[in-house]
């Protein structure tokens, strides 16, 4: 039995601490005018190996989601596109593109905050990780710090709608 199984509260506390780091990345995205989604990739020892904030607008790149930015950073740091044994924390349920990249990277675990009922691919709209025919299986945990993750997104879109209604 691993440490997480022996002490579920310790596992939740660890997940929440790592999600708080992803929230910091999401706040950076917000400040840059990007949809506030953030991600971090963490090793078994708790070391952050990659971090990312949404950069689709900044980079004019539809693939520059926070998860992909974090995957690229971790892969570059480890000099390997495969990231077995690592966990990716992201503030919003991953889309199809992102979960596909995570499965390709062979992540052990994906932990997300807010559910995405419009494009979520980890149970929201689709559940890609549960497809048994895929060559790699990744554990998915959702709802970690869901409220602050959701509130940051709501605040961003509320502010955006207000600007559209009341342009300066």
Protein backbone atom coordinates (compact mmCIF):
# COMPACT_ATOMS: atom_id res chain seq x y z
CA UNK A 1 0.00 0.00 0.00
CA UNK A 2 1.39 3.39 -1.04
CA UNK A 3 1.48 6.49 1.14
CA UNK A 4 -1.57 7.93 -0.62
CA UNK A 5 -3.59 4.81 0.11
CA UNK A 6 -2.43 4.68 3.74
CA UNK A 7 -3.40 8.29 4.40
CA UNK A 8 -6.08 9.67 2.03
CA UNK A 9 -6.13 13.02 3.89
CA UNK A 10 -2.43 13.47 3.19
CA UNK A 11 -3.08 12.73 -0.48
CA UNK A 12 -5.89 15.30 -0.60
CA UNK A 13 -3.71 17.87 1.15
CA UNK A 14 -0.94 17.22 -1.40
CA UNK A 15 -3.39 17.48 -4.30
CA UNK A 16 -4.78 20.75 -2.92
CA UNK A 17 -1.28 22.20 -2.47
CA UNK A 18 -0.37 21.31 -6.04
CA UNK A 19 -3.68 22.65 -7.37
CA UNK A 20 -2.93 25.92 -5.57
CA UNK A 21 0.24 26.13 -7.68
CA UNK A 22 -1.85 25.56 -10.82
CA UNK A 23 -4.18 28.34 -9.65
CA UNK A 24 -1.17 30.68 -9.47
CA UNK A 25 -0.51 29.89 -13.13
CA UNK A 26 -4.19 30.53 -13.94
CA UNK A 27 -3.95 33.95 -12.30
CA UNK A 28 -0.97 34.74 -14.54
CA UNK A 29 -3.08 33.83 -17.57
CA UNK A 30 -5.89 36.08 -16.28
CA UNK A 31 -3.48 38.99 -15.88
CA UNK A 32 -2.30 38.46 -19.47
CA UNK A 33 -5.88 38.53 -20.80
CA UNK A 34 -5.95 34.80 -21.43
CA UNK A 35 -8.67 32.41 -20.26
CA UNK A 36 -7.44 31.70 -16.71
CA UNK A 37 -6.33 28.10 -16.83
CA UNK A 38 -3.10 26.97 -15.21
CA UNK A 39 -1.25 23.68 -14.93
CA UNK A 40 1.74 22.17 -13.14
CA UNK A 41 3.45 18.82 -13.51
CA UNK A 42 4.75 17.32 -10.29
CA UNK A 43 7.06 14.41 -9.60
CA UNK A 44 6.54 11.75 -6.94
CA UNK A 45 8.82 13.75 -4.61
CA UNK A 46 6.61 16.85 -4.99
CA UNK A 47 9.03 18.73 -7.22
CA UNK A 48 7.40 20.91 -9.88
CA UNK A 49 8.91 19.84 -13.20
CA UNK A 50 6.80 21.97 -15.52
CA UNK A 51 4.28 24.79 -15.29
CA UNK A 52 2.05 26.51 -17.76
CA UNK A 53 -0.64 29.11 -18.17
CA UNK A 54 -2.93 29.47 -21.18
CA UNK A 55 -1.06 31.27 -23.99
CA UNK A 56 -3.34 30.75 -27.00
CA UNK A 57 -3.91 34.49 -27.57
CA UNK A 58 -0.39 35.59 -26.62
CA UNK A 59 1.26 33.01 -28.89
CA UNK A 60 -1.48 32.95 -31.58
CA UNK A 61 -1.35 29.18 -31.09
CA UNK A 62 -4.48 27.07 -30.66
CA UNK A 63 -2.40 24.34 -29.00
CA UNK A 64 -0.95 26.61 -26.29
CA UNK A 65 -3.35 25.43 -23.59
CA UNK A 66 -1.93 25.48 -20.06
CA UNK A 67 -1.60 21.68 -20.03
CA UNK A 68 0.39 21.60 -23.28
CA UNK A 69 2.63 24.46 -22.11
CA UNK A 70 3.34 22.51 -18.89
CA UNK A 71 3.93 19.26 -20.81
CA UNK A 72 6.40 21.00 -23.09
CA UNK A 73 8.26 22.48 -20.12
CA UNK A 74 8.48 19.17 -18.25
CA UNK A 75 9.51 17.24 -21.37
CA UNK A 76 12.23 19.79 -22.15
CA UNK A 77 13.50 19.70 -18.58
CA UNK A 78 13.60 15.89 -18.52
CA UNK A 79 14.68 15.65 -22.16
CA UNK A 80 11.99 13.06 -22.81
CA UNK A 81 8.47 13.33 -24.16
CA UNK A 82 7.42 10.45 -21.95
CA UNK A 83 6.61 11.51 -18.42
CA UNK A 84 5.74 8.29 -16.55
CA UNK A 85 5.11 8.52 -12.83
CA UNK A 86 4.27 12.22 -12.97
CA UNK A 87 1.02 14.00 -12.14
CA UNK A 88 -0.43 16.96 -14.01
CA UNK A 89 -2.64 19.36 -12.04
CA UNK A 90 -4.87 21.68 -14.06
CA UNK A 91 -7.53 24.13 -12.95
CA UNK A 92 -10.06 23.15 -15.66
CA UNK A 93 -11.07 19.72 -16.94
CA UNK A 94 -8.88 18.96 -19.98
CA UNK A 95 -10.21 19.06 -23.55
CA UNK A 96 -9.74 16.23 -26.06
CA UNK A 97 -6.47 17.66 -27.40
CA UNK A 98 -4.96 18.01 -23.95
CA UNK A 99 -5.96 14.62 -22.57
CA UNK A 100 -4.65 13.10 -25.80
CA UNK A 101 -1.28 14.77 -25.23
CA UNK A 102 -1.27 13.65 -21.59
CA UNK A 103 -1.96 10.05 -22.54
CA UNK A 104 0.78 10.23 -25.17
CA UNK A 105 3.16 11.52 -22.48
CA UNK A 106 2.26 8.50 -20.32
CA UNK A 107 1.38 10.57 -17.26
CA UNK A 108 0.44 8.48 -14.23
CA UNK A 109 -2.25 10.88 -13.08
CA UNK A 110 -4.26 13.92 -14.09
CA UNK A 111 -5.98 16.02 -11.42
CA UNK A 112 -8.34 18.82 -12.40
CA UNK A 113 -10.26 21.47 -10.52
CA UNK A 114 -13.38 22.75 -12.27
CA UNK A 115 -15.47 20.51 -14.50
CA UNK A 116 -16.02 21.68 -18.08
CA UNK A 117 -19.52 20.75 -19.26
CA UNK A 118 -18.87 22.14 -22.76
CA UNK A 119 -15.51 20.70 -23.81
CA UNK A 120 -14.36 18.48 -20.94
CA UNK A 121 -12.90 15.18 -22.06
CA UNK A 122 -12.42 13.58 -18.63
CA UNK A 123 -16.08 12.92 -17.96
CA UNK A 124 -17.68 16.29 -18.76
CA UNK A 125 -18.65 15.68 -22.39
CA UNK A 126 -16.44 12.70 -23.19
CA UNK A 127 -14.33 10.40 -21.04
CA UNK A 128 -11.28 9.71 -23.19
CA UNK A 129 -9.12 8.32 -20.37
CA UNK A 130 -11.65 5.56 -19.70
CA UNK A 131 -11.33 4.08 -23.19
CA UNK A 132 -9.78 0.71 -22.48
CA UNK A 133 -8.46 0.20 -26.02
CA UNK A 134 -5.95 3.03 -25.65
CA UNK A 135 -2.36 1.91 -25.16
CA UNK A 136 -1.92 3.83 -21.90
CA UNK A 137 -4.21 4.34 -18.93
CA UNK A 138 -4.03 7.47 -16.79
CA UNK A 139 -5.78 7.93 -13.46
CA UNK A 140 -8.14 10.94 -13.41
CA UNK A 141 -9.24 12.84 -10.30
CA UNK A 142 -11.61 15.78 -10.63
CA UNK A 143 -13.00 18.43 -8.32
CA UNK A 144 -9.86 19.36 -6.38
CA UNK A 145 -10.30 23.01 -5.31
CA UNK A 146 -13.18 23.15 -7.79
CA UNK A 147 -14.74 26.24 -6.20
CA UNK A 148 -11.75 28.60 -6.47
CA UNK A 149 -10.93 27.25 -9.94
CA UNK A 150 -14.52 27.85 -11.09
CA UNK A 151 -14.73 31.27 -9.47
CA UNK A 152 -11.61 32.50 -11.25
CA UNK A 153 -13.12 31.47 -14.60
CA UNK A 154 -16.50 33.04 -13.74
CA UNK A 155 -14.81 36.30 -12.72
CA UNK A 156 -12.84 36.41 -15.96
CA UNK A 157 -15.88 35.87 -18.17
CA UNK A 158 -18.04 38.23 -16.09
CA UNK A 159 -15.40 40.94 -16.55
CA UNK A 160 -15.19 40.20 -20.27
CA UNK A 161 -19.00 40.43 -20.69
CA UNK A 162 -19.07 43.72 -18.75
CA UNK A 163 -16.38 45.18 -21.03
CA UNK A 164 -18.35 44.12 -24.11
CA UNK A 165 -21.53 45.75 -22.73
CA UNK A 166 -19.74 48.91 -21.56
CA UNK A 167 -16.78 49.56 -23.88
CA UNK A 168 -14.52 52.39 -22.71
